[in-house]
Amino acid sequence: MDYMNKYLESSEYIDWKDPAILLKAKVLAKAFSQPQDVAKRCFEFVRDEIKHSWDYKLNPVTYKASDVLKHGTGYCYAKSHLLAALLRANHIPAGLCYQRLTITDEPPFCLHGLNAVYLEGVGWYRMDARGNKQGVNAAFSPPIEALAFNTATKGEADLPGIWTEPLPGVIKALKNSKNYQEVADNLPDIADYKEMEGKIGMLEDIQKEVS
């Protein structure tokens, strides 16, 4: 399926051809023969061993997958870039997903980054490797989703589409921030998603074909 190849590509931000990512992907997959087991191992590595920048108050601000791996830290968006890279390096189609969430159950809103992986017999499966903490218990248990956050407050939403590349507003927010605090003060919101709305229908059609 040619359209699935887009979810296997290496790029500026999901740079899985970087030697360090290739090596880590190989190590993570070494003990497993089934793609679903490899996907679970990659997910748990990023969830548990890459520290969420805000939770741990860590710099530098990372956005390229290879830098997230190198420094061992990243915001949810950056961690999703690394997970996509590790999966693609293991020939498993993976993309990026977004939710619109509140921080404290009331406005303002911001985008939250997570992943979708394509698994044979399951289809597209969303998973969230932002990192667990009190009140957050994300897991890999296909076909049942176990995400970090639910969309319960008015105005929150699961945004449609499985993106091959990060939203421009996400990259802008990360690139323009000098430290983890600046990211928190300038989190991207739905305006950046609306810039890309024209591509949503095409992506949804593709998802229906492969589900």
Protein backbone atom coordinates (compact mmCIF):
# COMPACT_ATOMS: atom_id res chain seq x y z
CA MET A 1 0.00 0.00 0.00
CA ASP A 2 1.86 3.02 -1.33
CA TYR A 3 0.08 5.53 0.91
CA MET A 4 1.35 3.69 3.97
CA ASN A 5 4.92 4.43 2.94
CA LYS A 6 4.44 8.00 4.18
CA TYR A 7 4.18 6.59 7.68
CA LEU A 8 7.59 4.93 7.29
CA GLU A 9 9.59 7.91 6.03
CA SER A 10 12.54 9.54 7.75
CA SER A 11 12.40 13.33 7.89
CA GLU A 12 13.89 16.38 9.57
CA TYR A 13 11.98 15.82 12.82
CA ILE A 14 11.30 12.09 12.67
CA ASP A 15 14.89 11.36 11.70
CA TRP A 16 14.99 7.62 12.23
CA LYS A 17 17.99 7.15 9.94
CA ASP A 18 20.15 8.81 12.58
CA PRO A 19 22.67 6.15 13.73
CA ALA A 20 21.72 6.45 17.39
CA ILE A 21 18.04 5.90 16.66
CA LEU A 22 18.77 2.97 14.37
CA LEU A 23 20.85 1.37 17.10
CA LYS A 24 18.26 1.98 19.83
CA ALA A 25 15.47 0.66 17.59
CA LYS A 26 17.48 -2.51 16.94
CA VAL A 27 18.20 -3.02 20.64
CA LEU A 28 14.55 -2.51 21.60
CA ALA A 29 13.37 -5.02 19.00
CA LYS A 30 16.06 -7.64 19.62
CA ALA A 31 14.06 -10.00 21.83
CA PHE A 32 10.86 -9.91 19.78
CA SER A 33 9.64 -11.34 16.49
CA GLN A 34 6.14 -9.84 16.29
CA PRO A 35 5.60 -6.18 15.31
CA GLN A 36 3.03 -5.69 18.06
CA ASP A 37 5.57 -6.75 20.70
CA VAL A 38 8.18 -4.45 19.19
CA ALA A 39 5.69 -1.58 19.22
CA LYS A 40 4.93 -2.19 22.88
CA ARG A 41 8.62 -2.21 23.81
CA CYS A 42 9.27 1.03 21.91
CA PHE A 43 6.23 2.64 23.52
CA GLU A 44 7.26 1.65 27.03
CA PHE A 45 10.82 2.85 26.47
CA VAL A 46 9.69 6.33 25.43
CA ARG A 47 6.98 6.48 28.09
CA ASP A 48 9.17 5.36 30.98
CA GLU A 49 12.77 6.23 30.12
CA ILE A 50 12.45 9.56 28.32
CA LYS A 51 11.57 12.21 30.90
CA HIS A 52 8.76 14.66 30.23
CA SER A 53 10.41 18.09 30.22
CA TRP A 54 7.73 19.79 32.32
CA ASP A 55 7.35 16.98 34.84
CA TYR A 56 11.08 16.95 35.54
CA LYS A 57 11.82 20.64 34.80
CA LEU A 58 14.47 19.71 32.24
CA ASN A 59 16.25 21.47 29.40
CA PRO A 60 17.11 21.62 26.56
CA VAL A 61 13.91 21.97 24.54
CA THR A 62 13.98 19.10 22.05
CA TYR A 63 11.96 18.52 18.90
CA LYS A 64 14.00 16.27 16.60
CA ALA A 65 13.67 12.59 17.49
CA SER A 66 17.43 12.14 17.61
CA ASP A 67 17.80 15.02 20.09
CA VAL A 68 15.04 13.62 22.29
CA LEU A 69 16.95 10.35 22.46
CA LYS A 70 20.30 12.09 23.00
CA HIS A 71 19.13 14.29 25.89
CA GLY A 72 16.57 11.86 27.32
CA THR A 73 13.86 14.50 27.65
CA GLY A 74 11.08 16.16 25.70
CA TYR A 75 7.58 17.54 25.85
CA CYS A 76 4.75 15.25 24.73
CA TYR A 77 5.19 16.42 21.13
CA ALA A 78 8.89 15.64 21.08
CA LYS A 79 8.37 12.26 22.74
CA SER A 80 5.83 11.40 20.03
CA HIS A 81 8.44 12.26 17.39
CA LEU A 82 10.89 9.84 18.98
CA LEU A 83 8.34 7.06 19.29
CA ALA A 84 7.35 7.47 15.63
CA ALA A 85 11.03 7.32 14.68
CA LEU A 86 11.72 4.14 16.67
CA LEU A 87 8.66 2.43 15.19
CA ARG A 88 9.48 3.48 11.62
CA ALA A 89 13.07 2.34 12.09
CA ASN A 90 11.57 -1.08 12.85
CA HIS A 91 9.43 -0.92 9.68
CA ILE A 92 6.21 -0.33 11.62
CA PRO A 93 3.96 2.44 10.21
CA ALA A 94 3.49 5.22 12.73
CA GLY A 95 2.08 8.72 12.76
CA LEU A 96 1.27 11.64 15.02
CA CYS A 97 -2.07 12.50 16.62
CA TYR A 98 -3.27 15.48 18.62
CA GLN A 99 -5.80 16.26 21.29
CA ARG A 100 -7.03 19.66 22.39
CA LEU A 101 -6.99 19.74 26.19
CA THR A 102 -7.16 22.05 29.16
CA ILE A 103 -4.41 22.21 31.73
CA THR A 104 -6.66 22.53 34.81
CA ASP A 105 -10.09 21.36 33.50
CA GLU A 106 -10.95 24.87 32.31
CA PRO A 107 -9.63 27.20 29.58
CA PRO A 108 -7.11 28.05 28.24
CA PHE A 109 -6.62 25.11 25.89
CA CYS A 110 -3.53 23.63 24.26
CA LEU A 111 -2.62 20.82 21.90
CA HIS A 112 -1.33 17.54 23.28
CA GLY A 113 0.79 15.21 21.13
CA LEU A 114 0.53 11.43 20.94
CA ASN A 115 0.93 8.64 18.38
CA ALA A 116 -0.91 6.13 16.25
CA VAL A 117 0.66 2.88 15.10
CA TYR A 118 -0.68 0.57 12.41
CA LEU A 119 -0.94 -3.02 13.64
CA GLU A 120 -2.02 -5.95 11.50
CA GLY A 121 -5.35 -7.29 12.69
CA VAL A 122 -5.99 -4.14 14.74
CA GLY A 123 -5.66 -1.19 12.35
CA TRP A 124 -4.63 2.24 13.58
CA TYR A 125 -4.14 2.26 17.34
CA ARG A 126 -3.51 5.39 19.39
CA MET A 127 -1.06 5.39 22.28
CA ASP A 128 0.34 8.12 24.49
CA ALA A 129 3.96 7.97 25.67
CA ARG A 130 4.03 11.36 27.44
CA GLY A 131 4.96 9.61 30.70
CA ASN A 132 2.85 8.39 33.59
CA LYS A 133 2.47 10.17 36.91
CA GLN A 134 -0.23 10.57 39.54
CA GLY A 135 -3.53 10.66 37.68
CA VAL A 136 -1.97 9.56 34.38
CA ASN A 137 -1.80 5.87 33.51
CA ALA A 138 -1.31 5.37 29.77
CA ALA A 139 -0.68 1.84 28.52
CA PHE A 140 -0.31 -0.29 25.39
CA SER A 141 -3.21 -2.74 25.29
CA PRO A 142 -4.59 -3.07 21.74
CA PRO A 143 -7.28 -2.99 20.61
CA ILE A 144 -8.33 -1.07 23.77
CA GLU A 145 -6.98 2.46 24.01
CA ALA A 146 -5.46 3.51 27.32
CA LEU A 147 -4.51 7.14 26.76
CA ALA A 148 -3.08 9.61 29.24
CA PHE A 149 -6.04 11.99 29.02
CA ASN A 150 -9.74 11.94 28.24
CA THR A 151 -11.53 14.77 26.47
CA ALA A 152 -14.20 15.61 29.03
CA THR A 153 -14.30 19.40 29.34
CA LYS A 154 -16.32 21.45 26.84
CA GLY A 155 -13.94 22.58 24.11
CA GLU A 156 -11.62 19.59 24.46
CA ALA A 157 -11.42 17.24 21.50
CA ASP A 158 -9.64 14.36 19.83
CA LEU A 159 -8.50 16.00 16.60
CA PRO A 160 -9.06 13.87 13.48
CA GLY A 161 -6.20 12.75 11.31
CA ILE A 162 -2.99 10.78 11.66
CA TRP A 163 -0.18 13.05 10.60
CA THR A 164 3.03 11.94 8.96
CA GLU A 165 4.78 15.10 10.19
CA PRO A 166 4.38 17.42 13.20
CA LEU A 167 1.99 20.36 12.93
CA PRO A 168 3.87 23.57 12.04
CA GLY A 169 2.58 25.32 15.16
CA VAL A 170 4.02 22.59 17.36
CA ILE A 171 7.47 22.91 15.82
CA LYS A 172 7.26 26.70 16.03
CA ALA A 173 6.43 26.58 19.74
CA LEU A 174 9.36 24.26 20.46
CA LYS A 175 11.90 25.99 18.23
CA ASN A 176 11.08 29.47 19.55
CA SER A 177 11.42 28.48 23.22
CA LYS A 178 14.75 28.76 25.01
CA ASN A 179 13.77 26.54 27.93
CA TYR A 180 11.02 24.28 29.24
CA GLN A 181 9.27 27.19 30.98
CA GLU A 182 8.93 29.14 27.73
CA VAL A 183 7.31 26.13 26.10
CA ALA A 184 4.79 25.94 28.95
CA ASP A 185 4.06 29.64 28.56
CA ASN A 186 3.47 29.34 24.81
CA LEU A 187 1.81 25.98 24.21
CA PRO A 188 0.25 25.67 20.74
CA ASP A 189 -3.52 25.57 20.37
CA ILE A 190 -6.12 24.71 17.76
CA ALA A 191 -5.30 27.66 15.48
CA ASP A 192 -2.26 25.72 14.31
CA TYR A 193 -4.46 22.70 13.57
CA LYS A 194 -6.93 24.79 11.56
CA GLU A 195 -4.12 25.83 9.22
CA MET A 196 -3.89 22.18 8.17
CA GLU A 197 -7.64 21.43 8.10
CA GLY A 198 -7.73 21.02 4.33
CA LYS A 199 -5.73 17.80 4.55
CA ILE A 200 -7.96 16.13 7.15
CA GLY A 201 -10.47 14.65 4.70
CA MET A 202 -7.76 12.98 2.65
CA LEU A 203 -6.20 11.43 5.74
CA GLU A 204 -9.54 10.18 7.01
CA ASP A 205 -10.20 8.48 3.66
CA ILE A 206 -6.84 6.72 3.87
CA GLN A 207 -7.55 5.59 7.43
CA LYS A 208 -10.86 4.05 6.36
CA GLU A 209 -9.12 2.09 3.63
CA VAL A 210 -6.52 0.55 5.93
CA SER A 211 -8.71 0.01 9.02
